[in-house]
Amino acid sequence: MYTLHVFYASGTGIVLNPYFRLLALFRPTLACVGCCCQVSPFSHPFTLFHLFLHRMQGSSWIIMSDTTSLQPSGLASREERVVTSVPWRRWSRAFDLYNFATNTSFTRAIWMIYLARHGYSPLDLGLLEMLFHVAKFVTEVPTGIFADMLGRRKSLVIYCALSAFEVLLFLKPTLPLMILSFALSGTAFAFLGGASEAMLWKIASHAEPANQAGRYSRLVSRMYLVGMLGEMLGSSAGGYLNSLLIVLPFILTSVLALLGIIPLFFLPEQKVAANERTSALRHLGTSLRAVWRSPALVGLLLISGLTTSCWQTIYFFYQLYLNNQGLSVVAVGLIVAASTATNFLFTATTPYVMRWLKERWLVPLFVVSELVGLALMSLPSLWLGLLGYLGFFQASVAVLSPAISTYVNQRSPEAQPATVLSLQTGLGALGTLILVLLLQKMRHAPYEEGK
């Protein structure tokens, strides 16, 4: 029993301390402390000091999930219920701030063109992109275990710090620094991996325990929506900032990544309880056995890996294709921003689509939508290609990402969600690596035949 009860004697019996009642309305999480105590009206300073120490030490899911109201005599009041409520809405808003800051990247639509202007060939860019996915694939599972065992919030803080540092290396784009930058970027995204979605899944369990999957589908869709707002701002402004000062987009992106750390400290830490913690290898073995015993989970992970790798590969190579068609950097940035806008609209409808379509229909339908988009993009017509990219392709990406994430979380073990989700993103990195190699080979095949 961890709920704090602050009472004092009065002529009418036991009454909740009015000072603490007012405090609890504004800071409900301060009620979660590791003891149950009674104080007099003259002990306010000690009480506040004890609460402050608890707040500085941080909260854990063990404490928050165990908070219950003490009702030995049926005296529970409305104020006590306020004190013991879980502030999931505040956690969600803090997550939104972090998400927006880290997704507002002013380099997203211009970094390949920036490196190309510094003498990097398409082959060089492909190899650097391949290095990113190699680093991401190699570190996915270890960082997933890290998030489950040592803390998902810690994992996200490391992601922000590494992202801020690696983008600054673009200020001097020599080959050694670019190799380091792409390796660090891949590792950073591995720390992001399943940590953010595992955190949202736990928040959903506190927000709506009876309908956790439904609440999560809305939260994860909102995660993508807020992220895309940042992407639209970053992509549309990146080209303009580049025209003012060529390194300005990279500096501002690094600053925002560091600012994204601040909201994370308003989120609770999530990790395996100390008495349930095992070795990293045993943790991984438990996750792999859980996946292997669920054919549906295996299928979802494979489909997610294929569709995600396809999207990631096309996203960057299509920018070069548009630039080679004679479009300016600003125009390419606006097209990328438009793709984010259509993706935003499709993502907003995803919770309703998931309620309307069963899993067995939703997944194959939007896989076909992605194939149709790819077919249109392969045609020589620029306008048909844009229809495929902005329409069918974005619809598939927008719906499949949150839908598959929901289905995977539903089937994942309670103690290993980040590790299982890291397998999902790891397969996406592996698929992207293979596709980059194939595209590079196809790109140079006519040249080799011509020789």
Protein backbone atom coordinates (compact mmCIF):
# COMPACT_ATOMS: atom_id res chain seq x y z
CA MET A 1 0.00 0.00 0.00
CA TYR A 2 1.69 3.17 -1.16
CA THR A 3 -0.98 5.87 -1.05
CA LEU A 4 -0.28 8.87 1.16
CA HIS A 5 -3.05 9.87 3.55
CA VAL A 6 -2.64 13.19 5.38
CA PHE A 7 -5.17 13.65 8.18
CA TYR A 8 -5.61 15.78 11.25
CA ALA A 9 -7.98 15.63 14.20
CA SER A 10 -10.98 17.92 14.20
CA GLY A 11 -14.22 18.27 16.05
CA THR A 12 -16.06 16.37 13.32
CA GLY A 13 -13.65 13.46 13.02
CA ILE A 14 -10.92 12.57 10.54
CA VAL A 15 -10.69 15.09 7.67
CA LEU A 16 -8.30 15.27 4.74
CA ASN A 17 -5.75 18.02 5.29
CA PRO A 18 -7.05 21.00 3.21
CA TYR A 19 -3.54 22.22 2.34
CA PHE A 20 -2.56 18.87 0.92
CA ARG A 21 -5.97 18.63 -0.78
CA LEU A 22 -5.19 21.79 -2.74
CA LEU A 23 -1.69 20.54 -3.58
CA ALA A 24 -3.02 17.22 -4.78
CA LEU A 25 -5.32 18.87 -7.31
CA PHE A 26 -2.31 20.31 -9.12
CA ARG A 27 0.35 17.64 -8.55
CA PRO A 28 -1.47 14.29 -8.25
CA THR A 29 1.68 12.23 -8.71
CA LEU A 30 3.08 13.62 -5.48
CA ALA A 31 0.65 11.33 -3.68
CA CYS A 32 2.63 8.25 -4.77
CA VAL A 33 5.18 7.67 -2.05
CA GLY A 34 6.49 4.53 -0.47
CA CYS A 35 4.71 4.90 2.84
CA CYS A 36 1.40 5.67 4.50
CA CYS A 37 1.58 8.31 7.18
CA GLN A 38 -0.49 10.67 9.31
CA VAL A 39 0.61 14.19 10.18
CA SER A 40 -0.73 17.14 12.08
CA PRO A 41 -1.43 20.59 10.63
CA PHE A 42 1.97 21.72 11.95
CA SER A 43 4.00 19.16 9.98
CA HIS A 44 3.49 20.62 6.51
CA PRO A 45 7.20 21.48 5.92
CA PHE A 46 8.29 17.91 6.63
CA THR A 47 5.53 16.51 4.43
CA LEU A 48 6.41 18.76 1.50
CA PHE A 49 10.10 17.99 1.89
CA HIS A 50 9.38 14.25 1.85
CA LEU A 51 7.24 14.64 -1.26
CA PHE A 52 9.92 16.73 -2.94
CA LEU A 53 12.54 14.05 -2.31
CA HIS A 54 10.26 11.43 -3.80
CA ARG A 55 9.65 13.59 -6.88
CA MET A 56 13.39 14.10 -7.39
CA GLN A 57 14.02 10.36 -7.14
CA GLY A 58 11.51 9.73 -9.91
CA SER A 59 8.55 7.42 -10.13
CA SER A 60 8.40 3.82 -11.23
CA TRP A 61 5.70 1.76 -12.80
CA ILE A 62 5.78 -0.53 -9.78
CA ILE A 63 4.77 2.33 -7.49
CA MET A 64 2.19 3.77 -9.83
CA SER A 65 0.50 0.50 -10.66
CA ASP A 66 0.20 -0.33 -6.97
CA THR A 67 -1.40 2.92 -5.82
CA THR A 68 -4.83 2.22 -4.41
CA SER A 69 -7.20 4.02 -2.09
CA LEU A 70 -7.23 3.08 1.55
CA GLN A 71 -10.82 2.57 2.54
CA PRO A 72 -10.86 0.68 5.86
CA SER A 73 -13.94 2.48 7.16
CA GLY A 74 -15.64 3.51 3.94
CA LEU A 75 -14.33 7.06 4.39
CA ALA A 76 -12.86 7.46 0.88
CA SER A 77 -13.57 10.93 -0.46
CA ARG A 78 -13.42 12.64 -3.83
CA GLU A 79 -10.14 14.30 -2.85
CA GLU A 80 -8.54 10.92 -2.07
CA ARG A 81 -9.56 9.64 -5.48
CA VAL A 82 -7.95 12.72 -7.08
CA VAL A 83 -4.74 12.08 -5.13
CA THR A 84 -4.48 8.47 -6.25
CA SER A 85 -5.35 9.11 -9.92
CA VAL A 86 -2.70 8.34 -12.51
CA PRO A 87 -1.76 11.48 -14.55
CA TRP A 88 -1.58 9.72 -17.92
CA ARG A 89 -2.79 12.82 -19.78
CA ARG A 90 0.18 14.80 -18.48
CA TRP A 91 2.52 11.98 -19.51
CA SER A 92 0.95 12.01 -22.95
CA ARG A 93 1.47 15.76 -23.33
CA ALA A 94 5.10 15.46 -22.22
CA PHE A 95 5.59 12.67 -24.75
CA ASP A 96 4.08 14.91 -27.46
CA LEU A 97 6.61 17.68 -26.70
CA TYR A 98 9.52 15.25 -26.89
CA ASN A 99 8.12 13.71 -30.07
CA PHE A 100 7.62 17.07 -31.80
CA ALA A 101 11.11 18.32 -30.91
CA THR A 102 12.92 15.21 -32.13
CA ASN A 103 10.91 14.94 -35.36
CA THR A 104 11.36 18.57 -36.39
CA SER A 105 14.40 17.83 -38.50
CA PHE A 106 15.38 20.57 -40.94
CA THR A 107 17.84 18.21 -42.67
CA ARG A 108 15.37 15.45 -43.57
CA ALA A 109 14.76 16.57 -47.15
CA ILE A 110 18.16 18.07 -47.96
CA TRP A 111 20.96 16.00 -46.43
CA MET A 112 21.49 13.78 -49.48
CA ILE A 113 21.57 16.80 -51.78
CA TYR A 114 23.90 18.57 -49.32
CA LEU A 115 26.37 15.68 -49.41
CA ALA A 116 26.03 15.33 -53.19
CA ARG A 117 27.09 18.98 -53.54
CA HIS A 118 30.14 18.22 -51.42
CA GLY A 119 31.32 15.63 -53.92
CA TYR A 120 29.60 12.45 -52.71
CA SER A 121 28.39 10.23 -55.54
CA PRO A 122 25.09 8.29 -55.46
CA LEU A 123 27.14 5.17 -54.72
CA ASP A 124 28.80 6.93 -51.76
CA LEU A 125 25.41 8.04 -50.45
CA GLY A 126 24.05 4.53 -50.81
CA LEU A 127 26.99 3.08 -48.90
CA LEU A 128 26.58 5.63 -46.10
CA GLU A 129 22.88 4.86 -45.91
CA MET A 130 23.78 1.19 -45.83
CA LEU A 131 26.15 1.85 -42.92
CA PHE A 132 23.30 3.50 -41.04
CA HIS A 133 21.13 0.42 -41.41
CA VAL A 134 23.99 -1.95 -40.56
CA ALA A 135 24.60 -0.05 -37.30
CA LYS A 136 20.87 0.04 -36.58
CA PHE A 137 20.43 -3.68 -37.27
CA VAL A 138 23.43 -4.71 -35.13
CA THR A 139 22.37 -2.59 -32.13
CA GLU A 140 18.58 -3.08 -32.26
CA VAL A 141 18.29 -6.12 -30.00
CA PRO A 142 20.88 -4.98 -27.40
CA THR A 143 19.17 -1.58 -27.11
CA GLY A 144 15.76 -3.25 -26.85
CA ILE A 145 17.03 -5.34 -23.93
CA PHE A 146 18.52 -2.14 -22.44
CA ALA A 147 15.12 -0.42 -22.63
CA ASP A 148 13.26 -3.30 -20.98
CA MET A 149 15.79 -3.96 -18.21
CA LEU A 150 17.33 -0.55 -17.44
CA GLY A 151 14.63 1.88 -18.52
CA ARG A 152 12.77 3.08 -21.59
CA ARG A 153 13.11 6.71 -20.60
CA LYS A 154 16.89 6.29 -20.35
CA SER A 155 16.85 4.76 -23.83
CA LEU A 156 15.03 7.78 -25.26
CA VAL A 157 17.41 10.23 -23.55
CA ILE A 158 20.38 8.45 -25.14
CA TYR A 159 18.60 8.61 -28.51
CA CYS A 160 18.23 12.40 -28.22
CA ALA A 161 21.85 12.92 -27.16
CA LEU A 162 23.30 10.78 -29.95
CA SER A 163 21.03 12.40 -32.54
CA ALA A 164 22.12 15.88 -31.48
CA PHE A 165 25.80 14.95 -31.73
CA GLU A 166 25.77 13.03 -35.02
CA VAL A 167 23.99 15.77 -36.97
CA LEU A 168 26.67 18.31 -35.95
CA LEU A 169 29.27 16.17 -37.73
CA PHE A 170 27.68 17.32 -41.02
CA LEU A 171 29.20 20.75 -40.41
CA LYS A 172 32.49 19.29 -41.68
CA PRO A 173 31.39 16.54 -44.10
CA THR A 174 34.68 14.66 -44.48
CA LEU A 175 34.41 10.93 -45.12
CA PRO A 176 35.65 9.79 -41.65
CA LEU A 177 33.20 12.11 -39.90
CA MET A 178 30.34 11.01 -42.15
CA ILE A 179 31.11 7.36 -41.39
CA LEU A 180 31.00 8.18 -37.67
CA SER A 181 27.82 10.24 -38.10
CA PHE A 182 25.89 7.50 -39.90
CA ALA A 183 27.07 4.83 -37.44
CA LEU A 184 25.96 6.98 -34.48
CA SER A 185 22.68 7.80 -36.19
CA GLY A 186 21.89 4.12 -36.69
CA THR A 187 22.72 3.41 -33.05
CA ALA A 188 20.57 6.36 -31.93
CA PHE A 189 17.55 5.07 -33.82
CA ALA A 190 18.13 1.64 -32.30
CA PHE A 191 17.79 3.21 -28.84
CA LEU A 192 14.55 4.76 -30.07
CA GLY A 193 13.49 1.37 -31.47
CA GLY A 194 10.61 -0.08 -29.51
CA ALA A 195 11.17 2.07 -26.40
CA SER A 196 8.74 4.82 -27.38
CA GLU A 197 5.96 2.44 -28.41
CA ALA A 198 6.47 0.26 -25.33
CA MET A 199 6.14 3.39 -23.20
CA LEU A 200 2.88 4.36 -24.92
CA TRP A 201 1.54 0.83 -24.48
CA LYS A 202 2.06 1.09 -20.73
CA ILE A 203 0.47 4.54 -20.61
CA ALA A 204 -2.53 3.08 -22.45
CA SER A 205 -2.84 0.38 -19.79
CA HIS A 206 -3.17 3.09 -17.12
CA ALA A 207 -5.48 5.29 -19.20
CA GLU A 208 -7.98 2.61 -20.20
CA PRO A 209 -7.22 -0.85 -18.77
CA ALA A 210 -10.41 -2.41 -20.16
CA ASN A 211 -9.61 -1.25 -23.70
CA GLN A 212 -5.82 -1.00 -23.77
CA ALA A 213 -5.47 -1.85 -27.48
CA GLY A 214 -8.08 0.71 -28.50
CA ARG A 215 -6.51 3.43 -26.38
CA TYR A 216 -3.04 2.52 -27.66
CA SER A 217 -4.16 2.74 -31.30
CA ARG A 218 -5.22 6.33 -30.63
CA LEU A 219 -2.06 7.17 -28.71
CA VAL A 220 0.29 5.69 -31.30
CA SER A 221 -1.63 7.37 -34.14
CA ARG A 222 -1.29 10.63 -32.25
CA MET A 223 2.44 9.92 -31.87
CA TYR A 224 2.74 9.67 -35.65
CA LEU A 225 0.56 12.76 -36.17
CA VAL A 226 2.61 14.95 -33.82
CA GLY A 227 5.80 13.59 -35.36
CA MET A 228 4.54 14.43 -38.83
CA LEU A 229 3.73 17.99 -37.79
CA GLY A 230 7.41 18.29 -36.92
CA GLU A 231 8.41 16.62 -40.18
CA MET A 232 6.25 19.00 -42.24
CA LEU A 233 7.72 22.02 -40.49
CA GLY A 234 11.26 20.70 -40.82
CA SER A 235 10.99 19.52 -44.44
CA SER A 236 9.30 22.68 -45.72
CA ALA A 237 11.66 25.04 -43.86
CA GLY A 238 14.85 23.05 -44.40
CA GLY A 239 15.41 24.20 -47.96
CA TYR A 240 14.78 27.83 -47.04
CA LEU A 241 17.14 27.68 -44.04
CA ASN A 242 19.74 26.07 -46.28
CA SER A 243 19.50 29.03 -48.67
CA LEU A 244 20.15 31.44 -45.77
CA LEU A 245 23.13 29.55 -44.35
CA ILE A 246 24.13 26.14 -45.61
CA VAL A 247 24.84 24.72 -42.12
CA LEU A 248 21.86 26.34 -40.36
CA PRO A 249 19.47 23.34 -40.75
CA PHE A 250 22.00 21.03 -39.09
CA ILE A 251 22.62 23.36 -36.13
CA LEU A 252 18.92 23.92 -35.45
CA THR A 253 18.15 20.20 -35.74
CA SER A 254 20.82 19.43 -33.14
CA VAL A 255 19.43 22.07 -30.76
CA LEU A 256 15.91 20.66 -31.02
CA ALA A 257 17.16 17.12 -30.35
CA LEU A 258 18.73 18.33 -27.09
CA LEU A 259 15.56 20.21 -26.14
CA GLY A 260 13.63 16.98 -26.62
CA ILE A 261 15.35 15.56 -23.53
CA ILE A 262 13.59 18.01 -21.19
CA PRO A 263 10.01 16.62 -21.53
CA LEU A 264 11.31 13.10 -20.96
CA PHE A 265 12.01 13.92 -17.31
CA PHE A 266 8.27 14.46 -16.84
CA LEU A 267 7.62 10.87 -17.93
CA PRO A 268 7.85 7.95 -15.49
CA GLU A 269 10.61 5.41 -15.91
CA GLN A 270 9.56 1.98 -17.12
CA LYS A 271 11.62 -1.13 -16.61
CA VAL A 272 11.47 -4.67 -15.33
CA ALA A 273 11.10 -4.87 -11.56
CA ALA A 274 14.36 -5.62 -9.75
CA ASN A 275 13.06 -8.92 -8.36
CA GLU A 276 12.07 -10.06 -11.87
CA ARG A 277 15.27 -9.00 -13.64
CA THR A 278 17.33 -11.73 -15.31
CA SER A 279 20.43 -11.79 -17.48
CA ALA A 280 20.33 -10.10 -20.87
CA LEU A 281 20.69 -13.41 -22.71
CA ARG A 282 17.85 -15.01 -20.76
CA HIS A 283 15.70 -11.94 -21.40
CA LEU A 284 16.41 -12.25 -25.12
CA GLY A 285 15.72 -15.99 -25.07
CA THR A 286 12.33 -15.43 -23.43
CA SER A 287 11.45 -12.86 -26.10
CA LEU A 288 12.48 -15.13 -28.98
CA ARG A 289 10.50 -18.06 -27.58
CA ALA A 290 7.42 -15.88 -27.23
CA VAL A 291 7.73 -14.79 -30.85
CA TRP A 292 8.38 -18.31 -32.14
CA ARG A 293 5.30 -19.71 -30.35
CA SER A 294 3.01 -17.18 -32.05
CA PRO A 295 2.78 -17.65 -35.86
CA ALA A 296 0.68 -14.48 -36.12
CA LEU A 297 3.41 -12.49 -34.36
CA VAL A 298 6.07 -13.92 -36.69
CA GLY A 299 3.96 -12.96 -39.71
CA LEU A 300 3.38 -9.42 -38.43
CA LEU A 301 7.09 -8.89 -37.77
CA LEU A 302 7.99 -10.09 -41.29
CA ILE A 303 5.32 -7.95 -42.97
CA SER A 304 6.38 -4.92 -40.94
CA GLY A 305 10.03 -5.48 -41.86
CA LEU A 306 9.24 -5.69 -45.58
CA THR A 307 6.89 -2.70 -45.74
CA THR A 308 9.07 -0.51 -43.51
CA SER A 309 12.25 -1.27 -45.47
CA CYS A 310 10.46 -0.47 -48.72
CA TRP A 311 9.24 2.86 -47.38
CA GLN A 312 12.61 3.89 -45.94
CA THR A 313 14.46 3.05 -49.15
CA ILE A 314 12.01 4.80 -51.46
CA TYR A 315 11.84 7.86 -49.21
CA PHE A 316 15.48 8.81 -49.75
CA PHE A 317 16.02 7.58 -53.31
CA TYR A 318 12.89 9.34 -54.50
CA GLN A 319 14.39 12.65 -53.34
CA LEU A 320 17.38 12.10 -55.62
CA TYR A 321 15.06 11.05 -58.46
CA LEU A 322 13.04 14.27 -58.14
CA ASN A 323 16.22 16.36 -58.01
CA ASN A 324 17.53 14.60 -61.13
CA GLN A 325 14.24 15.49 -62.85
CA GLY A 326 15.28 19.13 -62.59
CA LEU A 327 13.35 20.10 -59.45
CA SER A 328 15.04 22.53 -57.07
CA VAL A 329 15.93 21.76 -53.47
CA VAL A 330 13.01 23.92 -52.29
CA ALA A 331 10.59 22.05 -54.60
CA VAL A 332 11.84 18.68 -53.36
CA GLY A 333 11.38 19.86 -49.79
CA LEU A 334 7.81 20.95 -50.53
CA ILE A 335 6.99 17.59 -52.15
CA VAL A 336 8.37 15.75 -49.13
CA ALA A 337 6.29 18.04 -46.91
CA ALA A 338 3.21 17.29 -49.07
CA SER A 339 3.84 13.54 -48.64
CA THR A 340 3.93 14.10 -44.90
CA ALA A 341 0.65 16.05 -45.12
CA THR A 342 -1.15 13.21 -46.95
CA ASN A 343 0.39 10.73 -44.53
CA PHE A 344 -0.95 12.90 -41.71
CA LEU A 345 -4.49 12.73 -43.09
CA PHE A 346 -4.36 8.96 -43.52
CA THR A 347 -2.88 8.48 -40.03
CA ALA A 348 -5.69 10.54 -38.48
CA THR A 349 -8.20 8.04 -39.85
CA THR A 350 -6.25 4.93 -38.74
CA PRO A 351 -8.08 4.35 -35.40
CA TYR A 352 -11.40 4.43 -37.27
CA VAL A 353 -10.08 2.14 -40.00
CA MET A 354 -8.89 -0.31 -37.33
CA ARG A 355 -12.36 -0.35 -35.78
CA TRP A 356 -13.99 -0.84 -39.16
CA LEU A 357 -11.64 -3.47 -40.64
CA LYS A 358 -10.57 -6.65 -38.92
CA GLU A 359 -6.88 -7.46 -38.72
CA ARG A 360 -7.11 -10.22 -41.33
CA TRP A 361 -8.48 -7.71 -43.88
CA LEU A 362 -6.62 -4.55 -42.94
CA VAL A 363 -3.06 -5.87 -43.29
CA PRO A 364 -3.35 -7.44 -46.78
CA LEU A 365 -5.44 -4.54 -48.12
CA PHE A 366 -2.84 -1.92 -47.29
CA VAL A 367 0.06 -4.12 -48.37
CA VAL A 368 -1.62 -4.14 -51.81
CA SER A 369 -1.97 -0.36 -51.58
CA GLU A 370 1.80 -0.08 -51.14
CA LEU A 371 2.40 -2.31 -54.18
CA VAL A 372 0.07 -0.15 -56.30
CA GLY A 373 1.94 2.97 -55.21
CA LEU A 374 5.27 1.42 -56.15
CA ALA A 375 3.91 0.40 -59.55
CA LEU A 376 2.78 3.96 -60.30
CA MET A 377 6.12 5.39 -59.13
CA SER A 378 7.96 3.11 -61.55
CA LEU A 379 6.17 4.67 -64.55
CA PRO A 380 7.97 7.41 -66.56
CA SER A 381 5.21 9.95 -65.93
CA LEU A 382 6.11 12.34 -63.10
CA TRP A 383 2.47 13.04 -62.28
CA LEU A 384 1.53 9.36 -62.03
CA GLY A 385 4.59 8.82 -59.89
CA LEU A 386 3.48 11.62 -57.57
CA LEU A 387 0.00 10.07 -57.38
CA GLY A 388 1.51 6.76 -56.35
CA TYR A 389 3.88 8.39 -53.85
CA LEU A 390 1.49 10.90 -52.29
CA GLY A 391 -1.60 8.67 -52.42
CA PHE A 392 -1.39 4.88 -52.39
CA PHE A 393 2.10 4.67 -50.90
CA GLN A 394 1.43 7.12 -48.06
CA ALA A 395 -1.92 5.48 -47.26
CA SER A 396 -0.18 2.15 -46.79
CA VAL A 397 2.59 3.56 -44.60
CA ALA A 398 0.17 5.64 -42.51
CA VAL A 399 -2.19 2.79 -41.66
CA LEU A 400 0.16 -0.18 -41.42
CA SER A 401 2.64 1.43 -39.00
CA PRO A 402 0.25 2.08 -36.07
CA ALA A 403 -1.93 -0.94 -36.87
CA ILE A 404 0.92 -3.48 -36.86
CA SER A 405 2.42 -1.80 -33.79
CA THR A 406 -0.89 -2.35 -31.97
CA TYR A 407 -1.17 -5.97 -33.08
CA VAL A 408 2.45 -6.72 -32.08
CA ASN A 409 2.04 -5.11 -28.64
CA GLN A 410 -1.10 -7.15 -28.01
CA ARG A 411 0.87 -10.37 -28.55
CA SER A 412 4.12 -9.35 -26.82
CA PRO A 413 5.05 -10.56 -23.30
CA GLU A 414 4.45 -7.98 -20.57
CA ALA A 415 8.13 -7.85 -19.54
CA GLN A 416 9.70 -7.85 -23.05
CA PRO A 417 7.73 -5.42 -25.26
CA ALA A 418 10.70 -3.23 -26.22
CA THR A 419 12.80 -6.28 -27.10
CA VAL A 420 10.07 -7.73 -29.33
CA LEU A 421 9.51 -4.35 -30.96
CA SER A 422 13.26 -4.07 -31.52
CA LEU A 423 13.04 -7.30 -33.52
CA GLN A 424 10.42 -5.58 -35.66
CA THR A 425 12.58 -2.51 -36.33
CA GLY A 426 15.67 -4.71 -36.73
CA LEU A 427 13.98 -6.65 -39.52
CA GLY A 428 13.11 -3.32 -41.14
CA ALA A 429 16.76 -2.27 -40.98
CA LEU A 430 17.87 -5.59 -42.47
CA GLY A 431 15.33 -5.32 -45.28
CA THR A 432 16.41 -1.76 -46.03
CA LEU A 433 20.03 -2.85 -46.17
CA ILE A 434 19.19 -5.55 -48.72
CA LEU A 435 17.08 -3.17 -50.82
CA VAL A 436 19.83 -0.51 -50.87
CA LEU A 437 22.30 -3.10 -52.14
CA LEU A 438 19.86 -4.29 -54.82
CA LEU A 439 19.08 -0.76 -55.97
CA GLN A 440 22.77 0.09 -56.19
CA LYS A 441 23.37 -3.02 -58.28
CA MET A 442 20.43 -2.22 -60.57
CA ARG A 443 21.57 1.38 -60.87
CA HIS A 444 24.98 0.33 -62.17
CA ALA A 445 23.84 -2.65 -64.24
CA PRO A 446 23.27 -0.68 -67.50
CA TYR A 447 26.63 1.02 -67.10
CA GLU A 448 28.41 -2.29 -66.67
CA GLU A 449 26.66 -3.73 -69.73
CA GLY A 450 27.57 -0.63 -71.75
CA LYS A 451 31.26 -1.10 -70.98
